[in-house]
């Protein structure tokens, strides 16, 4: 697999995931996360699709100008990775590259149904684990991931919960 991960390491991404844990995730909080991503996308004129899920339930979706129907296919494949592993898609990709294995083969899944491309970040609640997923598609995968991190950090900062 070609290195496409912006220099991230799995240990850095694990620490990042710990930092981005939420104290709660209600339906309204999930929508707020989606609205933050939507506002960032509008302000920056990004050609992205955004989705926020509570597990498999889609509670927020927006497709900004320049995004394409294929972004929804990418979002679904990225969500499948987070639901399977509990980790961000960027973590899964970096870890596979660091360990030198084919992620799809190791997990016995088809690439048509799963995508280890950055842009899917688990919404973990302290003490509960995976409660939802923030999904962004439309930018290069490192940028999708970084935007998602920025969105969750903004959400936590607004709530006074950023570690």
N, C-alpha and C. Protein backbone atom coordinates (compact mmCIF):
# COMPACT_ATOMS: atom_id res chain seq x y z
N UNK A 1 0.85 -1.19 0.00
CA UNK A 1 0.00 0.00 0.00
C UNK A 1 0.89 1.24 0.00
N UNK A 2 0.57 2.20 -0.82
CA UNK A 2 1.35 3.43 -0.91
C UNK A 2 1.02 4.33 0.28
N UNK A 3 2.04 4.95 0.85
CA UNK A 3 1.84 5.84 2.00
C UNK A 3 1.11 7.10 1.55
N UNK A 4 -0.07 7.31 2.11
CA UNK A 4 -0.92 8.42 1.70
C UNK A 4 -1.51 9.14 2.91
N UNK A 5 -0.81 9.08 4.01
CA UNK A 5 -1.45 9.44 5.27
C UNK A 5 -0.94 10.72 5.90
N UNK A 6 -0.27 11.55 5.16
CA UNK A 6 0.10 12.84 5.69
C UNK A 6 1.08 12.81 6.85
N UNK A 7 1.79 11.71 7.01
CA UNK A 7 2.78 11.64 8.08
C UNK A 7 2.22 11.30 9.46
N UNK A 8 0.94 10.96 9.56
CA UNK A 8 0.36 10.55 10.84
C UNK A 8 0.99 9.24 11.29
N UNK A 9 0.99 9.00 12.60
CA UNK A 9 1.34 7.69 13.13
C UNK A 9 0.12 7.16 13.88
N UNK A 10 0.06 5.85 14.04
CA UNK A 10 -1.08 5.27 14.75
C UNK A 10 -1.10 5.73 16.20
N UNK A 11 0.07 5.90 16.82
CA UNK A 11 0.08 6.36 18.22
C UNK A 11 -0.43 7.79 18.34
N UNK A 12 -0.07 8.64 17.37
CA UNK A 12 -0.60 10.02 17.38
C UNK A 12 -2.11 10.02 17.20
N UNK A 13 -2.60 9.19 16.31
CA UNK A 13 -4.04 9.14 16.06
C UNK A 13 -4.79 8.55 17.24
N UNK A 14 -4.17 7.62 17.97
CA UNK A 14 -4.79 7.09 19.20
C UNK A 14 -4.92 8.18 20.26
N UNK A 15 -3.85 8.97 20.42
CA UNK A 15 -3.91 10.10 21.37
C UNK A 15 -4.97 11.12 20.95
N UNK A 16 -5.02 11.39 19.67
CA UNK A 16 -6.03 12.31 19.14
C UNK A 16 -7.43 11.83 19.50
N UNK A 17 -7.69 10.55 19.32
CA UNK A 17 -9.01 9.98 19.62
C UNK A 17 -9.35 10.16 21.10
N UNK A 18 -8.36 9.98 21.97
CA UNK A 18 -8.59 10.18 23.41
C UNK A 18 -8.96 11.63 23.70
N UNK A 19 -8.27 12.55 23.06
CA UNK A 19 -8.51 13.98 23.26
C UNK A 19 -9.89 14.39 22.79
N UNK A 20 -10.40 13.74 21.76
CA UNK A 20 -11.67 14.13 21.15
C UNK A 20 -12.88 13.41 21.73
N UNK A 21 -12.73 12.75 22.88
CA UNK A 21 -13.88 12.08 23.49
C UNK A 21 -14.89 13.10 23.99
N UNK A 22 -16.15 12.74 23.87
CA UNK A 22 -17.26 13.59 24.29
C UNK A 22 -17.77 13.15 25.66
N UNK A 23 -18.43 14.06 26.36
CA UNK A 23 -19.06 13.70 27.63
C UNK A 23 -20.45 13.11 27.39
N UNK A 24 -21.06 13.47 26.26
CA UNK A 24 -22.37 12.93 25.88
C UNK A 24 -22.54 13.11 24.38
N UNK A 25 -23.54 12.43 23.83
CA UNK A 25 -23.88 12.63 22.42
C UNK A 25 -25.37 12.37 22.26
N UNK A 26 -26.13 13.44 22.33
CA UNK A 26 -27.56 13.37 22.09
C UNK A 26 -27.84 13.63 20.61
N UNK A 27 -29.08 13.44 20.23
CA UNK A 27 -29.50 13.74 18.87
C UNK A 27 -29.19 15.20 18.53
N UNK A 28 -29.52 16.12 19.42
CA UNK A 28 -29.27 17.54 19.16
C UNK A 28 -27.78 17.85 19.11
N UNK A 29 -26.99 17.20 19.93
CA UNK A 29 -25.53 17.41 19.88
C UNK A 29 -24.95 16.89 18.57
N UNK A 30 -25.47 15.78 18.08
CA UNK A 30 -25.01 15.25 16.79
C UNK A 30 -25.34 16.24 15.67
N UNK A 31 -26.52 16.81 15.73
CA UNK A 31 -26.91 17.82 14.72
C UNK A 31 -26.02 19.05 14.84
N UNK A 32 -25.70 19.46 16.07
CA UNK A 32 -24.80 20.61 16.27
C UNK A 32 -23.43 20.35 15.64
N UNK A 33 -22.91 19.15 15.80
CA UNK A 33 -21.64 18.79 15.18
C UNK A 33 -21.76 18.91 13.66
N UNK A 34 -22.84 18.42 13.11
CA UNK A 34 -23.06 18.55 11.67
C UNK A 34 -23.16 20.00 11.23
N UNK A 35 -23.82 20.82 12.03
CA UNK A 35 -23.94 22.24 11.69
C UNK A 35 -22.60 22.96 11.74
N UNK A 36 -21.74 22.59 12.67
CA UNK A 36 -20.40 23.18 12.73
C UNK A 36 -19.65 22.83 11.44
N UNK A 37 -19.70 21.55 11.05
CA UNK A 37 -19.04 21.12 9.81
C UNK A 37 -19.63 21.85 8.60
N UNK A 38 -20.95 22.00 8.58
CA UNK A 38 -21.61 22.70 7.49
C UNK A 38 -21.15 24.15 7.41
N UNK A 39 -21.08 24.81 8.55
CA UNK A 39 -20.63 26.21 8.56
C UNK A 39 -19.19 26.34 8.09
N UNK A 40 -18.31 25.45 8.56
CA UNK A 40 -16.91 25.48 8.09
C UNK A 40 -16.88 25.28 6.57
N UNK A 41 -17.65 24.31 6.09
CA UNK A 41 -17.67 24.02 4.66
C UNK A 41 -18.17 25.20 3.84
N UNK A 42 -19.22 25.84 4.32
CA UNK A 42 -19.76 27.01 3.60
C UNK A 42 -18.77 28.16 3.60
N UNK A 43 -18.22 28.46 4.78
CA UNK A 43 -17.27 29.58 4.91
C UNK A 43 -16.07 29.39 3.99
N UNK A 44 -15.63 28.15 3.84
CA UNK A 44 -14.42 27.85 3.05
C UNK A 44 -14.74 27.42 1.63
N UNK A 45 -16.04 27.37 1.31
CA UNK A 45 -16.49 26.94 -0.02
C UNK A 45 -15.92 25.57 -0.39
N UNK A 46 -16.07 24.62 0.52
CA UNK A 46 -15.53 23.28 0.32
C UNK A 46 -16.55 22.39 -0.39
N UNK A 47 -16.12 21.60 -1.35
CA UNK A 47 -17.01 20.71 -2.10
C UNK A 47 -17.21 19.38 -1.36
N UNK A 48 -17.85 19.45 -0.20
CA UNK A 48 -17.93 18.27 0.67
C UNK A 48 -19.36 17.84 0.95
N UNK A 49 -19.47 16.56 1.27
CA UNK A 49 -20.68 16.01 1.86
C UNK A 49 -20.35 15.71 3.31
N UNK A 50 -21.30 15.96 4.19
CA UNK A 50 -21.12 15.81 5.62
C UNK A 50 -22.25 14.92 6.13
N UNK A 51 -21.90 14.02 7.03
CA UNK A 51 -22.93 13.20 7.66
C UNK A 51 -22.55 12.98 9.12
N UNK A 52 -23.56 12.98 9.98
CA UNK A 52 -23.36 12.63 11.37
C UNK A 52 -24.37 11.53 11.69
N UNK A 53 -23.86 10.47 12.29
CA UNK A 53 -24.70 9.32 12.63
C UNK A 53 -24.64 9.05 14.13
N UNK A 54 -25.73 8.56 14.63
CA UNK A 54 -25.75 7.93 15.95
C UNK A 54 -25.78 6.44 15.63
N UNK A 55 -24.60 5.82 15.75
CA UNK A 55 -24.37 4.46 15.26
C UNK A 55 -24.73 4.42 13.77
N UNK A 56 -25.78 3.67 13.40
CA UNK A 56 -26.14 3.57 11.98
C UNK A 56 -27.21 4.58 11.57
N UNK A 57 -27.79 5.30 12.53
CA UNK A 57 -28.88 6.23 12.25
C UNK A 57 -28.32 7.56 11.76
N UNK A 58 -28.67 7.96 10.56
CA UNK A 58 -28.23 9.24 10.01
C UNK A 58 -29.11 10.34 10.58
N UNK A 59 -28.50 11.24 11.37
CA UNK A 59 -29.28 12.33 11.98
C UNK A 59 -28.97 13.68 11.33
N UNK A 60 -27.91 13.73 10.52
CA UNK A 60 -27.56 14.97 9.83
C UNK A 60 -26.86 14.61 8.53
N UNK A 61 -27.28 15.28 7.45
CA UNK A 61 -26.59 15.10 6.17
C UNK A 61 -26.70 16.39 5.38
N UNK A 62 -25.61 16.80 4.78
CA UNK A 62 -25.60 17.96 3.89
C UNK A 62 -24.60 17.71 2.77
N UNK A 63 -24.98 18.12 1.58
CA UNK A 63 -24.09 18.03 0.42
C UNK A 63 -23.91 19.44 -0.13
N UNK A 64 -22.72 19.98 0.05
CA UNK A 64 -22.44 21.35 -0.37
C UNK A 64 -22.14 21.41 -1.87
N UNK A 65 -22.27 22.60 -2.47
CA UNK A 65 -21.96 22.75 -3.89
C UNK A 65 -20.56 22.22 -4.21
N UNK A 66 -20.49 21.46 -5.28
CA UNK A 66 -19.22 20.86 -5.69
C UNK A 66 -19.09 19.42 -5.24
N UNK A 67 -19.87 19.01 -4.23
CA UNK A 67 -19.86 17.60 -3.85
C UNK A 67 -20.64 16.83 -4.91
N UNK A 68 -20.50 15.50 -4.85
CA UNK A 68 -21.08 14.66 -5.89
C UNK A 68 -21.84 13.50 -5.24
N UNK A 69 -22.73 12.86 -5.99
CA UNK A 69 -23.43 11.70 -5.44
C UNK A 69 -22.47 10.62 -4.93
N UNK A 70 -21.30 10.48 -5.57
CA UNK A 70 -20.33 9.47 -5.14
C UNK A 70 -19.85 9.69 -3.70
N UNK A 71 -19.93 10.94 -3.23
CA UNK A 71 -19.52 11.21 -1.85
C UNK A 71 -20.36 10.40 -0.87
N UNK A 72 -21.63 10.20 -1.18
CA UNK A 72 -22.48 9.40 -0.29
C UNK A 72 -22.01 7.95 -0.25
N UNK A 73 -21.55 7.42 -1.38
CA UNK A 73 -21.01 6.06 -1.43
C UNK A 73 -19.76 5.97 -0.56
N UNK A 74 -18.88 6.98 -0.66
CA UNK A 74 -17.68 7.00 0.17
C UNK A 74 -18.05 7.08 1.65
N UNK A 75 -19.02 7.92 1.98
CA UNK A 75 -19.45 8.07 3.37
C UNK A 75 -19.94 6.74 3.92
N UNK A 76 -20.73 6.03 3.16
CA UNK A 76 -21.23 4.73 3.62
C UNK A 76 -20.12 3.73 3.86
N UNK A 77 -19.14 3.71 2.97
CA UNK A 77 -18.00 2.79 3.11
C UNK A 77 -17.12 3.17 4.30
N UNK A 78 -16.92 4.47 4.51
CA UNK A 78 -16.13 4.93 5.66
C UNK A 78 -16.86 4.60 6.96
N UNK A 79 -18.17 4.81 6.98
CA UNK A 79 -18.95 4.51 8.19
C UNK A 79 -18.84 3.03 8.54
N UNK A 80 -18.85 2.17 7.54
CA UNK A 80 -18.75 0.73 7.78
C UNK A 80 -17.45 0.38 8.51
N UNK A 81 -16.36 1.08 8.18
CA UNK A 81 -15.07 0.83 8.85
C UNK A 81 -15.16 1.20 10.33
N UNK A 82 -15.72 2.38 10.62
CA UNK A 82 -15.81 2.82 12.01
C UNK A 82 -16.73 1.89 12.80
N UNK A 83 -17.85 1.49 12.21
CA UNK A 83 -18.76 0.57 12.91
C UNK A 83 -18.10 -0.78 13.16
N UNK A 84 -17.23 -1.22 12.25
CA UNK A 84 -16.55 -2.51 12.41
C UNK A 84 -15.44 -2.45 13.45
N UNK A 85 -14.71 -1.33 13.49
CA UNK A 85 -13.49 -1.29 14.31
C UNK A 85 -13.57 -0.35 15.51
N UNK A 86 -14.44 0.65 15.45
CA UNK A 86 -14.49 1.66 16.50
C UNK A 86 -13.42 2.73 16.37
N UNK A 87 -12.63 2.66 15.33
CA UNK A 87 -11.53 3.61 15.11
C UNK A 87 -11.81 4.48 13.90
N UNK A 88 -11.07 5.60 13.82
CA UNK A 88 -11.18 6.45 12.64
C UNK A 88 -10.63 5.70 11.42
N UNK A 89 -11.11 6.09 10.26
CA UNK A 89 -10.62 5.48 9.04
C UNK A 89 -9.15 5.82 8.83
N UNK A 90 -8.74 7.00 9.26
CA UNK A 90 -7.32 7.37 9.11
C UNK A 90 -6.46 6.48 10.01
N UNK A 91 -6.91 6.21 11.23
CA UNK A 91 -6.16 5.30 12.10
C UNK A 91 -6.03 3.93 11.45
N UNK A 92 -7.12 3.41 10.93
CA UNK A 92 -7.08 2.08 10.33
C UNK A 92 -6.12 2.04 9.15
N UNK A 93 -6.11 3.08 8.33
CA UNK A 93 -5.21 3.13 7.17
C UNK A 93 -3.75 3.21 7.63
N UNK A 94 -3.47 4.12 8.55
CA UNK A 94 -2.09 4.31 9.04
C UNK A 94 -1.60 3.03 9.71
N UNK A 95 -2.44 2.44 10.54
CA UNK A 95 -2.04 1.21 11.23
C UNK A 95 -1.72 0.10 10.23
N UNK A 96 -2.55 -0.05 9.19
CA UNK A 96 -2.29 -1.07 8.17
C UNK A 96 -0.97 -0.79 7.45
N UNK A 97 -0.72 0.49 7.14
CA UNK A 97 0.55 0.84 6.48
C UNK A 97 1.74 0.58 7.40
N UNK A 98 1.62 0.95 8.67
CA UNK A 98 2.73 0.73 9.62
C UNK A 98 3.02 -0.76 9.80
N UNK A 99 1.96 -1.56 9.88
CA UNK A 99 2.12 -3.00 10.12
C UNK A 99 2.35 -3.78 8.84
N UNK A 100 2.13 -3.14 7.69
CA UNK A 100 2.39 -3.79 6.41
C UNK A 100 1.40 -4.87 6.02
N UNK A 101 0.12 -4.70 6.35
CA UNK A 101 -0.87 -5.69 5.94
C UNK A 101 -1.96 -5.06 5.10
N UNK A 102 -2.66 -5.90 4.35
CA UNK A 102 -3.80 -5.48 3.55
C UNK A 102 -5.02 -5.48 4.46
N UNK A 103 -5.55 -4.31 4.76
CA UNK A 103 -6.64 -4.16 5.72
C UNK A 103 -7.86 -4.97 5.29
N UNK A 104 -8.20 -4.92 4.02
CA UNK A 104 -9.39 -5.59 3.52
C UNK A 104 -9.26 -7.11 3.65
N UNK A 105 -8.08 -7.62 3.32
CA UNK A 105 -7.84 -9.05 3.44
C UNK A 105 -7.88 -9.48 4.91
N UNK A 106 -7.22 -8.70 5.78
CA UNK A 106 -7.19 -9.05 7.20
C UNK A 106 -8.58 -9.12 7.81
N UNK A 107 -9.46 -8.20 7.40
CA UNK A 107 -10.81 -8.15 7.97
C UNK A 107 -11.82 -8.95 7.16
N UNK A 108 -11.38 -9.52 6.05
CA UNK A 108 -12.27 -10.35 5.24
C UNK A 108 -13.45 -9.59 4.66
N UNK A 109 -13.18 -8.36 4.21
CA UNK A 109 -14.26 -7.52 3.66
C UNK A 109 -13.87 -7.00 2.29
N UNK A 110 -14.87 -6.59 1.54
CA UNK A 110 -14.66 -6.08 0.18
C UNK A 110 -14.45 -4.57 0.21
N UNK A 111 -13.51 -4.12 -0.61
CA UNK A 111 -13.23 -2.68 -0.70
C UNK A 111 -14.43 -1.91 -1.24
N UNK A 112 -15.32 -2.58 -1.95
CA UNK A 112 -16.52 -1.92 -2.46
C UNK A 112 -17.48 -1.54 -1.33
N UNK A 113 -17.31 -2.17 -0.15
CA UNK A 113 -18.21 -1.93 0.97
C UNK A 113 -17.54 -1.20 2.14
N UNK A 114 -16.22 -1.15 2.15
CA UNK A 114 -15.46 -0.52 3.23
C UNK A 114 -14.38 0.37 2.62
N UNK A 115 -14.11 1.51 3.25
CA UNK A 115 -13.07 2.40 2.75
C UNK A 115 -12.22 2.93 3.90
N UNK A 116 -10.94 2.55 3.89
CA UNK A 116 -10.02 3.09 4.90
C UNK A 116 -9.37 4.35 4.34
N UNK A 117 -10.22 5.33 4.08
CA UNK A 117 -9.80 6.64 3.58
C UNK A 117 -10.23 7.65 4.62
N UNK A 118 -9.35 8.55 4.99
CA UNK A 118 -9.63 9.53 6.04
C UNK A 118 -10.93 10.27 5.84
N UNK A 119 -11.55 10.63 6.95
CA UNK A 119 -12.78 11.40 6.90
C UNK A 119 -13.90 10.84 7.74
N UNK A 120 -13.69 9.71 8.38
CA UNK A 120 -14.68 9.13 9.29
C UNK A 120 -14.07 9.07 10.68
N UNK A 121 -14.67 9.81 11.58
CA UNK A 121 -14.13 9.91 12.94
C UNK A 121 -15.19 9.43 13.93
N UNK A 122 -14.85 8.46 14.77
CA UNK A 122 -15.83 8.00 15.74
C UNK A 122 -16.14 9.10 16.75
N UNK A 123 -17.39 9.17 17.14
CA UNK A 123 -17.81 10.07 18.21
C UNK A 123 -17.95 9.20 19.45
N UNK A 124 -16.87 9.16 20.22
CA UNK A 124 -16.81 8.32 21.41
C UNK A 124 -17.21 9.13 22.63
N UNK A 125 -18.03 8.52 23.47
CA UNK A 125 -18.45 9.14 24.72
C UNK A 125 -17.66 8.48 25.85
N UNK A 126 -17.08 9.32 26.70
CA UNK A 126 -16.29 8.81 27.83
C UNK A 126 -17.12 7.82 28.63
N UNK A 127 -16.54 6.65 28.87
CA UNK A 127 -17.19 5.62 29.65
C UNK A 127 -18.18 4.76 28.87
N UNK A 128 -18.55 5.17 27.65
CA UNK A 128 -19.51 4.41 26.86
C UNK A 128 -18.93 3.89 25.56
N UNK A 129 -17.94 4.58 25.01
CA UNK A 129 -17.36 4.18 23.74
C UNK A 129 -18.11 4.77 22.56
N UNK A 130 -18.14 4.03 21.46
CA UNK A 130 -18.67 4.52 20.20
C UNK A 130 -20.16 4.83 20.32
N UNK A 131 -20.50 6.11 20.07
CA UNK A 131 -21.90 6.54 20.11
C UNK A 131 -22.36 7.04 18.75
N UNK A 132 -21.41 7.48 17.93
CA UNK A 132 -21.76 8.03 16.63
C UNK A 132 -20.53 8.18 15.76
N UNK A 133 -20.74 8.80 14.60
CA UNK A 133 -19.66 8.99 13.62
C UNK A 133 -19.86 10.33 12.93
N UNK A 134 -18.76 11.07 12.79
CA UNK A 134 -18.73 12.24 11.93
C UNK A 134 -18.05 11.81 10.64
N UNK A 135 -18.70 12.09 9.51
CA UNK A 135 -18.19 11.67 8.21
C UNK A 135 -18.09 12.86 7.28
N UNK A 136 -16.94 12.99 6.63
CA UNK A 136 -16.71 14.05 5.65
C UNK A 136 -16.11 13.41 4.42
N UNK A 137 -16.61 13.82 3.25
CA UNK A 137 -16.10 13.29 1.99
C UNK A 137 -16.10 14.39 0.95
N UNK A 138 -15.02 14.45 0.18
CA UNK A 138 -14.95 15.39 -0.93
C UNK A 138 -13.59 16.04 -1.09
N UNK A 139 -12.79 16.01 -0.04
CA UNK A 139 -11.44 16.55 -0.08
C UNK A 139 -10.46 15.39 -0.13
N UNK A 140 -9.17 15.64 -0.37
CA UNK A 140 -8.19 14.57 -0.19
C UNK A 140 -8.32 14.03 1.24
N UNK A 141 -8.07 12.74 1.41
CA UNK A 141 -8.40 12.07 2.68
C UNK A 141 -7.76 12.70 3.91
N UNK A 142 -6.55 13.19 3.81
CA UNK A 142 -5.92 13.83 4.97
C UNK A 142 -6.70 15.08 5.35
N UNK A 143 -7.13 15.84 4.35
CA UNK A 143 -7.91 17.05 4.61
C UNK A 143 -9.29 16.72 5.17
N UNK A 144 -9.92 15.67 4.67
CA UNK A 144 -11.20 15.22 5.24
C UNK A 144 -11.02 14.93 6.73
N UNK A 145 -9.95 14.21 7.07
CA UNK A 145 -9.69 13.85 8.47
C UNK A 145 -9.44 15.10 9.31
N UNK A 146 -8.57 15.97 8.82
CA UNK A 146 -8.23 17.17 9.60
C UNK A 146 -9.44 18.08 9.81
N UNK A 147 -10.30 18.18 8.82
CA UNK A 147 -11.51 18.98 8.98
C UNK A 147 -12.41 18.35 10.05
N UNK A 148 -12.54 17.05 10.03
CA UNK A 148 -13.34 16.36 11.04
C UNK A 148 -12.80 16.60 12.44
N UNK A 149 -11.49 16.53 12.61
CA UNK A 149 -10.87 16.80 13.90
C UNK A 149 -11.16 18.23 14.33
N UNK A 150 -11.03 19.15 13.40
CA UNK A 150 -11.29 20.56 13.70
C UNK A 150 -12.75 20.77 14.14
N UNK A 151 -13.67 20.09 13.49
CA UNK A 151 -15.09 20.21 13.83
C UNK A 151 -15.35 19.71 15.25
N UNK A 152 -14.82 18.54 15.58
CA UNK A 152 -15.05 17.98 16.92
C UNK A 152 -14.38 18.84 17.98
N UNK A 153 -13.17 19.34 17.69
CA UNK A 153 -12.48 20.23 18.63
C UNK A 153 -13.30 21.49 18.88
N UNK A 154 -13.89 22.05 17.82
CA UNK A 154 -14.73 23.24 17.96
C UNK A 154 -15.96 22.93 18.81
N UNK A 155 -16.58 21.78 18.56
CA UNK A 155 -17.74 21.37 19.35
C UNK A 155 -17.37 21.26 20.83
N UNK A 156 -16.26 20.60 21.11
CA UNK A 156 -15.81 20.44 22.50
C UNK A 156 -15.46 21.78 23.13
N UNK A 157 -14.82 22.66 22.37
CA UNK A 157 -14.47 23.98 22.89
C UNK A 157 -15.72 24.78 23.24
N UNK A 158 -16.72 24.73 22.41
CA UNK A 158 -17.99 25.43 22.69
C UNK A 158 -18.63 24.94 23.97
N UNK A 159 -18.46 23.67 24.26
CA UNK A 159 -19.05 23.08 25.46
C UNK A 159 -18.12 23.18 26.67
N UNK A 160 -16.91 23.73 26.45
CA UNK A 160 -15.94 23.82 27.53
C UNK A 160 -15.37 22.48 27.94
N UNK A 161 -15.33 21.53 26.99
CA UNK A 161 -14.90 20.16 27.29
C UNK A 161 -13.58 19.78 26.65
N UNK A 162 -12.95 20.69 25.91
CA UNK A 162 -11.70 20.34 25.24
C UNK A 162 -10.58 20.18 26.25
N UNK A 163 -9.96 18.99 26.22
CA UNK A 163 -8.90 18.69 27.20
C UNK A 163 -7.66 19.52 26.95
